[in-house]
Each structure stands twice: as C-alpha cells, then as structure tokens.
Amino acid sequence: MRLVGEKGEQLGIMPLYQAREIARENNLDLVEVAATAAPPVCRLLDYGKYKYEQTKKEREARRGQKVSLLREVRLRPKVGDHDFEAKARSARKLLEGGDKVKVTVMFRGREITHREIGRRLLERMAESLKGAASVERQPLMDGRRMAMILSPTAIQKARIKEEVKKV
C-alpha cells in the first residue's frame, strides 16, 4: 500500500503491517483513502480530530444558508380595503424575510361562482407587492380556493444574503 503522512507527504509503498507499525509509533490512525487505486492509498491522521473538523465545516456551511419557507396569507372575496392593505403589509414583511408567500382566496358558498373577483384580488396583491416580489405561480383554482405563489425578487435575495453573512 502507498502511505501518505499526516501533513500530506509521501512515505512510500510498504506492506500493511509496516504502515500499522508507523501509525502506532506516531499515535495516529491508519485510514484508507483510495481503495480502488493500485496500490491502495492510506493516510496517517488523528481520526477523531478529522471527524471533528468535518462536522465543524458542515456546521459552518449550514450557518450561511437561509432556509426559504412557504408562508401563506389568506383572503376572502369580500375583504375590505383596510384589511387587504394589512394582509399586503404582512406579505411584504414575509417576503423581506426571504420566504415565499402563497396568497390564497377562500370561497364560501355561492362565492365560488365569481372566480373573477378572486383573480382580480390576487392580481391586485401582486401589483401592490411589485417591488418586493415576483409571481412564481399564476392564480390557480384548487378546490374552493384560488392560490398564487409569490417569491422574493433577486434584489431582495441579494440583500438577505448580505444580512445572513453579517450574522
């Protein structure tokens, strides 16, 4: 087998028992790096320290990621102007947080016969959130609900990434 030292230096080709002896003398572990190579490649390292460094790197990589959730804002066809504006502010706040927003219009009873009211409501929501969001999925009927998905714009996403890096 080919043996690689702790700092990456080549120690040469040697039998397994000799490599184990060198590892024991240096209080290190013998780890097989490339089994399919001819001859197989093993490395001397402190395996516990190696695993610790790997988990530390993974944790650091996860810290830099922002998990994007799908949040929902629900409306009714007969929503008042003030209530609509409050829902729009709520949706804007969610979008600025980096989440996608599903805007849903719920129909009850005979309201379902006036789907165009729901579609206009969703288009009005998209228009009021124009700077903060882009329409990812157009309004679509799903049973007694009409839904549209909005996602943060590229400018928003860039600003969110900067904020995550600061933290």
N, C-alpha and C. Protein backbone atom coordinates (compact mmCIF):
# COMPACT_ATOMS: atom_id res chain seq x y z
N MET A 1 0.84 -1.18 0.00
CA MET A 1 0.00 0.00 0.00
C MET A 1 0.88 1.24 0.00
N ARG A 2 0.30 2.33 -0.56
CA ARG A 2 1.01 3.62 -0.58
C ARG A 2 0.60 4.36 0.68
N LEU A 3 1.58 4.89 1.40
CA LEU A 3 1.31 5.57 2.66
C LEU A 3 1.57 7.07 2.52
N VAL A 4 0.61 7.87 2.99
CA VAL A 4 0.72 9.32 2.97
C VAL A 4 0.78 9.78 4.42
N GLY A 5 1.71 10.69 4.72
CA GLY A 5 1.89 11.16 6.09
C GLY A 5 0.81 12.14 6.54
N GLU A 6 0.94 12.59 7.78
CA GLU A 6 -0.05 13.46 8.40
C GLU A 6 -0.16 14.81 7.69
N LYS A 7 0.95 15.32 7.19
CA LYS A 7 0.95 16.63 6.52
C LYS A 7 0.84 16.51 5.01
N GLY A 8 0.57 15.29 4.50
CA GLY A 8 0.40 15.09 3.07
C GLY A 8 1.64 14.62 2.35
N GLU A 9 2.72 14.37 3.07
CA GLU A 9 3.95 13.94 2.42
C GLU A 9 3.90 12.44 2.10
N GLN A 10 4.53 12.05 1.00
CA GLN A 10 4.56 10.65 0.58
C GLN A 10 5.60 9.88 1.41
N LEU A 11 5.16 8.80 2.05
CA LEU A 11 6.08 7.96 2.83
C LEU A 11 6.49 6.70 2.08
N GLY A 12 5.91 6.51 0.90
CA GLY A 12 6.32 5.40 0.05
C GLY A 12 5.34 4.24 0.05
N ILE A 13 5.74 3.18 -0.69
CA ILE A 13 4.93 1.97 -0.79
C ILE A 13 5.51 0.96 0.19
N MET A 14 4.63 0.36 1.01
CA MET A 14 5.08 -0.59 2.04
C MET A 14 3.96 -1.57 2.36
N PRO A 15 4.30 -2.68 3.00
CA PRO A 15 3.26 -3.64 3.39
C PRO A 15 2.41 -3.08 4.54
N LEU A 16 1.23 -3.68 4.73
CA LEU A 16 0.25 -3.21 5.71
C LEU A 16 0.81 -3.23 7.13
N TYR A 17 1.49 -4.31 7.52
CA TYR A 17 2.00 -4.40 8.90
C TYR A 17 2.97 -3.27 9.21
N GLN A 18 3.79 -2.87 8.23
CA GLN A 18 4.75 -1.79 8.43
C GLN A 18 4.02 -0.44 8.59
N ALA A 19 2.96 -0.23 7.79
CA ALA A 19 2.17 1.00 7.89
C ALA A 19 1.48 1.09 9.25
N ARG A 20 0.96 -0.06 9.72
CA ARG A 20 0.31 -0.08 11.05
C ARG A 20 1.32 0.25 12.14
N GLU A 21 2.52 -0.25 12.01
CA GLU A 21 3.57 0.00 13.00
C GLU A 21 3.91 1.50 13.05
N ILE A 22 4.03 2.12 11.88
CA ILE A 22 4.32 3.56 11.83
C ILE A 22 3.19 4.36 12.47
N ALA A 23 1.94 3.97 12.21
CA ALA A 23 0.79 4.64 12.79
C ALA A 23 0.80 4.50 14.31
N ARG A 24 1.12 3.30 14.81
CA ARG A 24 1.15 3.06 16.26
C ARG A 24 2.25 3.90 16.92
N GLU A 25 3.41 3.99 16.29
CA GLU A 25 4.53 4.77 16.84
C GLU A 25 4.18 6.26 16.96
N ASN A 26 3.41 6.78 15.99
CA ASN A 26 3.07 8.21 15.98
C ASN A 26 1.73 8.51 16.67
N ASN A 27 1.10 7.50 17.27
CA ASN A 27 -0.21 7.65 17.92
C ASN A 27 -1.25 8.23 16.95
N LEU A 28 -1.27 7.71 15.74
CA LEU A 28 -2.21 8.14 14.72
C LEU A 28 -3.01 6.95 14.21
N ASP A 29 -4.05 7.24 13.46
CA ASP A 29 -4.87 6.19 12.86
C ASP A 29 -4.48 6.01 11.40
N LEU A 30 -4.64 4.79 10.90
CA LEU A 30 -4.36 4.47 9.51
C LEU A 30 -5.71 4.42 8.78
N VAL A 31 -5.94 5.38 7.87
CA VAL A 31 -7.23 5.49 7.20
C VAL A 31 -7.04 5.25 5.71
N GLU A 32 -7.86 4.33 5.15
CA GLU A 32 -7.79 4.05 3.73
C GLU A 32 -8.50 5.17 2.97
N VAL A 33 -7.77 5.82 2.06
CA VAL A 33 -8.30 6.97 1.34
C VAL A 33 -8.82 6.55 -0.03
N ALA A 34 -8.05 5.75 -0.76
CA ALA A 34 -8.44 5.31 -2.10
C ALA A 34 -8.23 3.80 -2.19
N ALA A 35 -9.32 3.03 -2.05
CA ALA A 35 -9.21 1.57 -2.06
C ALA A 35 -9.05 1.03 -3.47
N THR A 36 -9.58 1.72 -4.47
CA THR A 36 -9.55 1.21 -5.84
C THR A 36 -8.24 1.51 -6.56
N ALA A 37 -7.39 2.35 -5.98
CA ALA A 37 -6.12 2.68 -6.61
C ALA A 37 -5.19 1.48 -6.54
N ALA A 38 -4.21 1.44 -7.45
CA ALA A 38 -3.22 0.36 -7.42
C ALA A 38 -1.86 0.99 -7.17
N PRO A 39 -1.21 0.79 -6.06
CA PRO A 39 -1.67 0.12 -4.84
C PRO A 39 -2.63 1.01 -4.05
N PRO A 40 -3.42 0.43 -3.11
CA PRO A 40 -4.35 1.22 -2.31
C PRO A 40 -3.61 2.32 -1.52
N VAL A 41 -4.30 3.46 -1.33
CA VAL A 41 -3.67 4.60 -0.65
C VAL A 41 -4.26 4.72 0.76
N CYS A 42 -3.35 4.81 1.75
CA CYS A 42 -3.76 5.01 3.14
C CYS A 42 -3.09 6.26 3.66
N ARG A 43 -3.70 6.85 4.68
CA ARG A 43 -3.17 8.09 5.23
C ARG A 43 -3.08 8.00 6.74
N LEU A 44 -2.07 8.62 7.30
CA LEU A 44 -1.91 8.70 8.75
C LEU A 44 -2.58 9.98 9.23
N LEU A 45 -3.53 9.85 10.16
CA LEU A 45 -4.17 11.04 10.73
C LEU A 45 -4.86 10.67 12.03
N ASP A 46 -5.18 11.70 12.81
CA ASP A 46 -5.95 11.51 14.04
C ASP A 46 -7.41 11.53 13.62
N TYR A 47 -8.06 10.36 13.60
CA TYR A 47 -9.39 10.24 13.05
C TYR A 47 -10.43 11.04 13.84
N GLY A 48 -10.33 11.07 15.14
CA GLY A 48 -11.27 11.84 15.96
C GLY A 48 -11.20 13.32 15.63
N LYS A 49 -9.98 13.83 15.48
CA LYS A 49 -9.78 15.24 15.12
C LYS A 49 -10.32 15.51 13.71
N TYR A 50 -10.09 14.56 12.81
CA TYR A 50 -10.57 14.68 11.44
C TYR A 50 -12.09 14.78 11.40
N LYS A 51 -12.79 13.89 12.13
CA LYS A 51 -14.26 13.90 12.17
C LYS A 51 -14.78 15.21 12.78
N TYR A 52 -14.10 15.70 13.82
CA TYR A 52 -14.48 16.96 14.46
C TYR A 52 -14.37 18.10 13.46
N GLU A 53 -13.29 18.15 12.69
CA GLU A 53 -13.10 19.21 11.70
C GLU A 53 -14.18 19.14 10.62
N GLN A 54 -14.56 17.92 10.20
CA GLN A 54 -15.59 17.74 9.18
C GLN A 54 -16.93 18.28 9.68
N THR A 55 -17.32 17.93 10.91
CA THR A 55 -18.61 18.40 11.44
C THR A 55 -18.58 19.92 11.62
N LYS A 56 -17.43 20.45 11.99
CA LYS A 56 -17.29 21.90 12.15
C LYS A 56 -17.49 22.61 10.81
N LYS A 57 -16.93 22.05 9.73
CA LYS A 57 -17.10 22.62 8.40
C LYS A 57 -18.55 22.55 7.95
N GLU A 58 -19.21 21.42 8.22
CA GLU A 58 -20.62 21.26 7.85
C GLU A 58 -21.50 22.28 8.59
N ARG A 59 -21.23 22.46 9.88
CA ARG A 59 -21.98 23.42 10.67
C ARG A 59 -21.81 24.83 10.12
N GLU A 60 -20.59 25.16 9.75
CA GLU A 60 -20.28 26.49 9.20
C GLU A 60 -21.01 26.69 7.87
N ALA A 61 -21.06 25.65 7.05
CA ALA A 61 -21.75 25.74 5.75
C ALA A 61 -23.25 25.91 5.96
N ARG A 62 -23.81 25.22 6.95
CA ARG A 62 -25.25 25.34 7.22
C ARG A 62 -25.60 26.71 7.76
N ARG A 63 -24.69 27.31 8.51
CA ARG A 63 -24.95 28.62 9.10
C ARG A 63 -25.14 29.68 8.02
N GLY A 64 -24.44 29.54 6.91
CA GLY A 64 -24.52 30.51 5.83
C GLY A 64 -25.76 30.37 4.97
N GLN A 65 -26.54 29.30 5.16
CA GLN A 65 -27.71 29.08 4.33
C GLN A 65 -28.95 29.68 4.97
N LYS A 66 -29.83 30.18 4.13
CA LYS A 66 -31.12 30.68 4.59
C LYS A 66 -32.19 29.72 4.08
N VAL A 67 -32.94 29.14 4.99
CA VAL A 67 -34.00 28.22 4.61
C VAL A 67 -35.21 29.04 4.18
N SER A 68 -35.66 28.82 2.96
CA SER A 68 -36.80 29.55 2.44
C SER A 68 -38.06 28.74 2.70
N LEU A 69 -38.98 29.32 3.44
CA LEU A 69 -40.23 28.67 3.76
C LEU A 69 -41.34 29.17 2.86
N LEU A 70 -42.39 28.38 2.73
CA LEU A 70 -43.57 28.82 2.01
C LEU A 70 -44.59 29.23 3.06
N ARG A 71 -44.85 30.53 3.17
CA ARG A 71 -45.80 31.06 4.15
C ARG A 71 -47.09 31.38 3.41
N GLU A 72 -48.19 31.46 4.14
CA GLU A 72 -49.48 31.67 3.49
C GLU A 72 -50.20 32.89 4.06
N VAL A 73 -50.82 33.65 3.16
CA VAL A 73 -51.68 34.78 3.52
C VAL A 73 -53.04 34.47 2.91
N ARG A 74 -54.08 34.44 3.76
CA ARG A 74 -55.41 34.07 3.29
C ARG A 74 -56.32 35.29 3.19
N LEU A 75 -57.11 35.32 2.14
CA LEU A 75 -58.06 36.39 1.90
C LEU A 75 -59.43 35.80 1.60
N ARG A 76 -60.45 36.64 1.66
CA ARG A 76 -61.80 36.27 1.24
C ARG A 76 -62.20 37.23 0.13
N PRO A 77 -63.13 36.83 -0.74
CA PRO A 77 -63.52 37.72 -1.85
C PRO A 77 -64.10 39.05 -1.38
N LYS A 78 -64.73 39.07 -0.23
CA LYS A 78 -65.37 40.30 0.26
C LYS A 78 -64.49 41.06 1.25
N VAL A 79 -63.18 40.95 1.12
CA VAL A 79 -62.25 41.61 2.04
C VAL A 79 -62.32 43.13 1.85
N GLY A 80 -62.25 43.84 2.96
CA GLY A 80 -62.27 45.30 2.91
C GLY A 80 -60.92 45.86 2.50
N ASP A 81 -60.90 47.13 2.10
CA ASP A 81 -59.66 47.76 1.64
C ASP A 81 -58.60 47.78 2.74
N HIS A 82 -59.00 48.15 3.93
CA HIS A 82 -58.04 48.24 5.03
C HIS A 82 -57.48 46.86 5.37
N ASP A 83 -58.35 45.86 5.40
CA ASP A 83 -57.90 44.50 5.69
C ASP A 83 -56.96 44.00 4.60
N PHE A 84 -57.28 44.35 3.35
CA PHE A 84 -56.41 43.97 2.24
C PHE A 84 -55.03 44.58 2.40
N GLU A 85 -54.99 45.86 2.76
CA GLU A 85 -53.70 46.53 2.94
C GLU A 85 -52.90 45.91 4.09
N ALA A 86 -53.59 45.52 5.15
CA ALA A 86 -52.92 44.87 6.29
C ALA A 86 -52.32 43.53 5.84
N LYS A 87 -53.05 42.78 5.04
CA LYS A 87 -52.56 41.49 4.52
C LYS A 87 -51.37 41.72 3.59
N ALA A 88 -51.44 42.78 2.79
CA ALA A 88 -50.34 43.10 1.87
C ALA A 88 -49.07 43.46 2.65
N ARG A 89 -49.23 44.23 3.75
CA ARG A 89 -48.07 44.56 4.59
C ARG A 89 -47.48 43.31 5.20
N SER A 90 -48.36 42.41 5.65
CA SER A 90 -47.92 41.15 6.24
C SER A 90 -47.13 40.33 5.21
N ALA A 91 -47.65 40.25 3.99
CA ALA A 91 -46.98 39.51 2.93
C ALA A 91 -45.63 40.14 2.59
N ARG A 92 -45.58 41.48 2.55
CA ARG A 92 -44.32 42.17 2.25
C ARG A 92 -43.26 41.86 3.31
N LYS A 93 -43.69 41.83 4.57
CA LYS A 93 -42.78 41.54 5.67
C LYS A 93 -42.21 40.11 5.53
N LEU A 94 -43.06 39.17 5.15
CA LEU A 94 -42.61 37.78 4.96
C LEU A 94 -41.63 37.69 3.79
N LEU A 95 -41.94 38.40 2.71
CA LEU A 95 -41.06 38.40 1.54
C LEU A 95 -39.70 39.02 1.87
N GLU A 96 -39.70 40.09 2.65
CA GLU A 96 -38.44 40.73 3.04
C GLU A 96 -37.63 39.82 3.95
N GLY A 97 -38.30 38.91 4.64
CA GLY A 97 -37.62 37.92 5.46
C GLY A 97 -37.03 36.79 4.63
N GLY A 98 -37.31 36.77 3.33
CA GLY A 98 -36.73 35.76 2.45
C GLY A 98 -37.64 34.57 2.18
N ASP A 99 -38.86 34.60 2.68
CA ASP A 99 -39.77 33.47 2.48
C ASP A 99 -40.63 33.68 1.23
N LYS A 100 -41.07 32.56 0.65
CA LYS A 100 -42.05 32.64 -0.42
C LYS A 100 -43.41 32.79 0.24
N VAL A 101 -44.34 33.43 -0.47
CA VAL A 101 -45.67 33.66 0.10
C VAL A 101 -46.72 33.09 -0.85
N LYS A 102 -47.60 32.27 -0.28
CA LYS A 102 -48.73 31.74 -1.03
C LYS A 102 -49.95 32.58 -0.63
N VAL A 103 -50.50 33.31 -1.58
CA VAL A 103 -51.67 34.14 -1.31
C VAL A 103 -52.89 33.34 -1.76
N THR A 104 -53.80 33.10 -0.83
CA THR A 104 -54.96 32.25 -1.09
C THR A 104 -56.25 33.02 -0.88
N VAL A 105 -57.17 32.88 -1.84
CA VAL A 105 -58.51 33.44 -1.70
C VAL A 105 -59.45 32.25 -1.46
N MET A 106 -60.14 32.27 -0.32
CA MET A 106 -61.04 31.18 0.04
C MET A 106 -62.47 31.57 -0.31
N PHE A 107 -63.13 30.70 -1.05
CA PHE A 107 -64.52 30.94 -1.45
C PHE A 107 -65.44 30.11 -0.56
N ARG A 108 -66.57 30.73 -0.13
CA ARG A 108 -67.58 30.02 0.65
C ARG A 108 -68.91 30.09 -0.09
N GLY A 109 -69.64 29.02 0.00
CA GLY A 109 -70.99 29.01 -0.57
C GLY A 109 -71.02 29.39 -2.03
N ARG A 110 -71.87 30.38 -2.35
CA ARG A 110 -72.06 30.77 -3.76
C ARG A 110 -70.99 31.73 -4.26
N GLU A 111 -70.05 32.12 -3.41
CA GLU A 111 -68.96 33.00 -3.85
C GLU A 111 -68.15 32.34 -4.96
N ILE A 112 -68.16 31.00 -4.99
CA ILE A 112 -67.36 30.26 -5.97
C ILE A 112 -67.77 30.58 -7.41
N THR A 113 -69.00 31.06 -7.59
CA THR A 113 -69.46 31.40 -8.94
C THR A 113 -68.79 32.66 -9.48
N HIS A 114 -68.17 33.44 -8.60
CA HIS A 114 -67.50 34.68 -9.02
C HIS A 114 -65.98 34.55 -8.86
N ARG A 115 -65.42 33.65 -9.62
CA ARG A 115 -63.96 33.41 -9.55
C ARG A 115 -63.17 34.62 -10.01
N GLU A 116 -63.75 35.41 -10.90
CA GLU A 116 -63.03 36.58 -11.42
C GLU A 116 -62.72 37.58 -10.30
N ILE A 117 -63.57 37.63 -9.27
CA ILE A 117 -63.30 38.51 -8.12
C ILE A 117 -62.02 38.05 -7.41
N GLY A 118 -61.89 36.74 -7.22
CA GLY A 118 -60.70 36.18 -6.60
C GLY A 118 -59.45 36.45 -7.42
N ARG A 119 -59.57 36.27 -8.75
CA ARG A 119 -58.43 36.51 -9.64
C ARG A 119 -58.01 37.98 -9.59
N ARG A 120 -58.98 38.89 -9.60
CA ARG A 120 -58.65 40.33 -9.52
C ARG A 120 -57.97 40.66 -8.19
N LEU A 121 -58.44 40.02 -7.13
CA LEU A 121 -57.87 40.23 -5.80
C LEU A 121 -56.40 39.80 -5.77
N LEU A 122 -56.12 38.63 -6.35
CA LEU A 122 -54.74 38.13 -6.38
C LEU A 122 -53.86 39.00 -7.27
N GLU A 123 -54.40 39.46 -8.39
CA GLU A 123 -53.62 40.35 -9.27
C GLU A 123 -53.34 41.68 -8.57
N ARG A 124 -54.32 42.15 -7.80
CA ARG A 124 -54.14 43.39 -7.04
C ARG A 124 -53.04 43.21 -5.99
N MET A 125 -53.00 42.04 -5.35
CA MET A 125 -51.96 41.74 -4.36
C MET A 125 -50.59 41.73 -5.03
N ALA A 126 -50.50 41.08 -6.19
CA ALA A 126 -49.22 41.03 -6.93
C ALA A 126 -48.78 42.43 -7.32
N GLU A 127 -49.72 43.26 -7.72
CA GLU A 127 -49.41 44.64 -8.11
C GLU A 127 -48.92 45.45 -6.91
N SER A 128 -49.55 45.27 -5.74
CA SER A 128 -49.15 46.04 -4.57
C SER A 128 -47.79 45.59 -4.02
N LEU A 129 -47.37 44.36 -4.35
CA LEU A 129 -46.08 43.85 -3.88
C LEU A 129 -45.04 43.82 -5.01
N LYS A 130 -45.26 44.60 -6.05
CA LYS A 130 -44.43 44.55 -7.25
C LYS A 130 -42.93 44.70 -6.98
N GLY A 131 -42.53 45.62 -6.14
CA GLY A 131 -41.10 45.83 -5.89
C GLY A 131 -40.46 44.74 -5.05
N ALA A 132 -41.22 44.11 -4.20
CA ALA A 132 -40.67 43.12 -3.27
C ALA A 132 -40.80 41.70 -3.77
N ALA A 133 -41.71 41.45 -4.72
CA ALA A 133 -41.98 40.07 -5.12
C ALA A 133 -42.21 39.93 -6.62
N SER A 134 -41.99 38.71 -7.08
CA SER A 134 -42.34 38.36 -8.45
C SER A 134 -43.26 37.15 -8.38
N VAL A 135 -44.14 37.04 -9.36
CA VAL A 135 -45.12 35.96 -9.36
C VAL A 135 -44.42 34.68 -9.81
N GLU A 136 -44.40 33.69 -8.92
CA GLU A 136 -43.77 32.42 -9.26
C GLU A 136 -44.79 31.49 -9.91
N ARG A 137 -46.02 31.50 -9.39
CA ARG A 137 -47.10 30.69 -9.97
C ARG A 137 -48.35 31.55 -10.10
N GLN A 138 -48.89 31.59 -11.29
CA GLN A 138 -50.09 32.39 -11.57
C GLN A 138 -51.28 31.86 -10.77
N PRO A 139 -52.34 32.68 -10.59
CA PRO A 139 -53.51 32.23 -9.84
C PRO A 139 -54.09 30.94 -10.44
N LEU A 140 -54.39 29.99 -9.56
CA LEU A 140 -54.85 28.68 -9.98
C LEU A 140 -55.89 28.18 -9.00
N MET A 141 -56.99 27.63 -9.50
CA MET A 141 -58.03 27.10 -8.64
C MET A 141 -57.59 25.75 -8.07
N ASP A 142 -57.86 25.58 -6.76
CA ASP A 142 -57.56 24.32 -6.08
C ASP A 142 -58.76 24.03 -5.17
N GLY A 143 -59.75 23.35 -5.71
CA GLY A 143 -60.97 23.11 -4.95
C GLY A 143 -61.75 24.40 -4.79
N ARG A 144 -61.99 24.82 -3.55
CA ARG A 144 -62.72 26.06 -3.29
C ARG A 144 -61.78 27.22 -2.99
N ARG A 145 -60.53 27.04 -3.34
CA ARG A 145 -59.52 28.08 -3.10
C ARG A 145 -58.83 28.45 -4.40
N MET A 146 -58.44 29.69 -4.50
CA MET A 146 -57.63 30.14 -5.62
C MET A 146 -56.32 30.64 -5.01
N ALA A 147 -55.20 30.13 -5.51
CA ALA A 147 -53.92 30.47 -4.90
C ALA A 147 -52.91 30.93 -5.93
N MET A 148 -51.98 31.75 -5.46
CA MET A 148 -50.89 32.27 -6.27
C MET A 148 -49.65 32.29 -5.38
N ILE A 149 -48.50 31.96 -5.94
CA ILE A 149 -47.27 31.95 -5.14
C ILE A 149 -46.38 33.11 -5.58
N LEU A 150 -45.92 33.88 -4.59
CA LEU A 150 -45.00 35.00 -4.82
C LEU A 150 -43.66 34.66 -4.20
N SER A 151 -42.58 35.01 -4.90
CA SER A 151 -41.25 34.78 -4.34
C SER A 151 -40.50 36.11 -4.30
N PRO A 152 -39.55 36.23 -3.36
CA PRO A 152 -38.77 37.48 -3.27
C PRO A 152 -38.01 37.74 -4.58
N THR A 153 -37.87 38.99 -4.95
CA THR A 153 -37.13 39.33 -6.17
C THR A 153 -35.64 39.11 -5.95
N ALA A 154 -34.88 39.14 -7.02
CA ALA A 154 -33.43 38.92 -6.94
C ALA A 154 -32.75 39.96 -6.06
N ILE A 155 -33.23 41.19 -6.11
CA ILE A 155 -32.66 42.26 -5.29
C ILE A 155 -32.86 41.93 -3.81
N GLN A 156 -34.08 41.48 -3.49
CA GLN A 156 -34.39 41.09 -2.11
C GLN A 156 -33.48 39.96 -1.65
N LYS A 157 -33.32 38.94 -2.52
CA LYS A 157 -32.50 37.78 -2.17
C LYS A 157 -31.05 38.19 -1.90
N ALA A 158 -30.52 39.09 -2.72
CA ALA A 158 -29.14 39.56 -2.53
C ALA A 158 -29.00 40.28 -1.19
N ARG A 159 -29.99 41.11 -0.85
CA ARG A 159 -29.95 41.84 0.41
C ARG A 159 -30.02 40.88 1.60
N ILE A 160 -30.84 39.84 1.48
CA ILE A 160 -30.98 38.85 2.55
C ILE A 160 -29.67 38.09 2.74
N LYS A 161 -29.00 37.73 1.63
CA LYS A 161 -27.71 37.02 1.74
C LYS A 161 -26.68 37.87 2.46
N GLU A 162 -26.67 39.18 2.16
CA GLU A 162 -25.74 40.08 2.85
C GLU A 162 -26.01 40.11 4.35
N GLU A 163 -27.28 40.14 4.72
CA GLU A 163 -27.64 40.16 6.13
C GLU A 163 -27.23 38.87 6.82
N VAL A 164 -27.38 37.73 6.14
CA VAL A 164 -27.00 36.44 6.71
C VAL A 164 -25.50 36.39 6.92
N LYS A 165 -24.73 36.94 5.97
CA LYS A 165 -23.27 36.94 6.10
C LYS A 165 -22.81 37.79 7.28
N LYS A 166 -23.53 38.88 7.56
CA LYS A 166 -23.17 39.77 8.68
C LYS A 166 -23.33 39.06 10.01
N VAL A 167 -24.30 38.17 10.09
CA VAL A 167 -24.60 37.45 11.33
C VAL A 167 -23.66 36.35 11.53
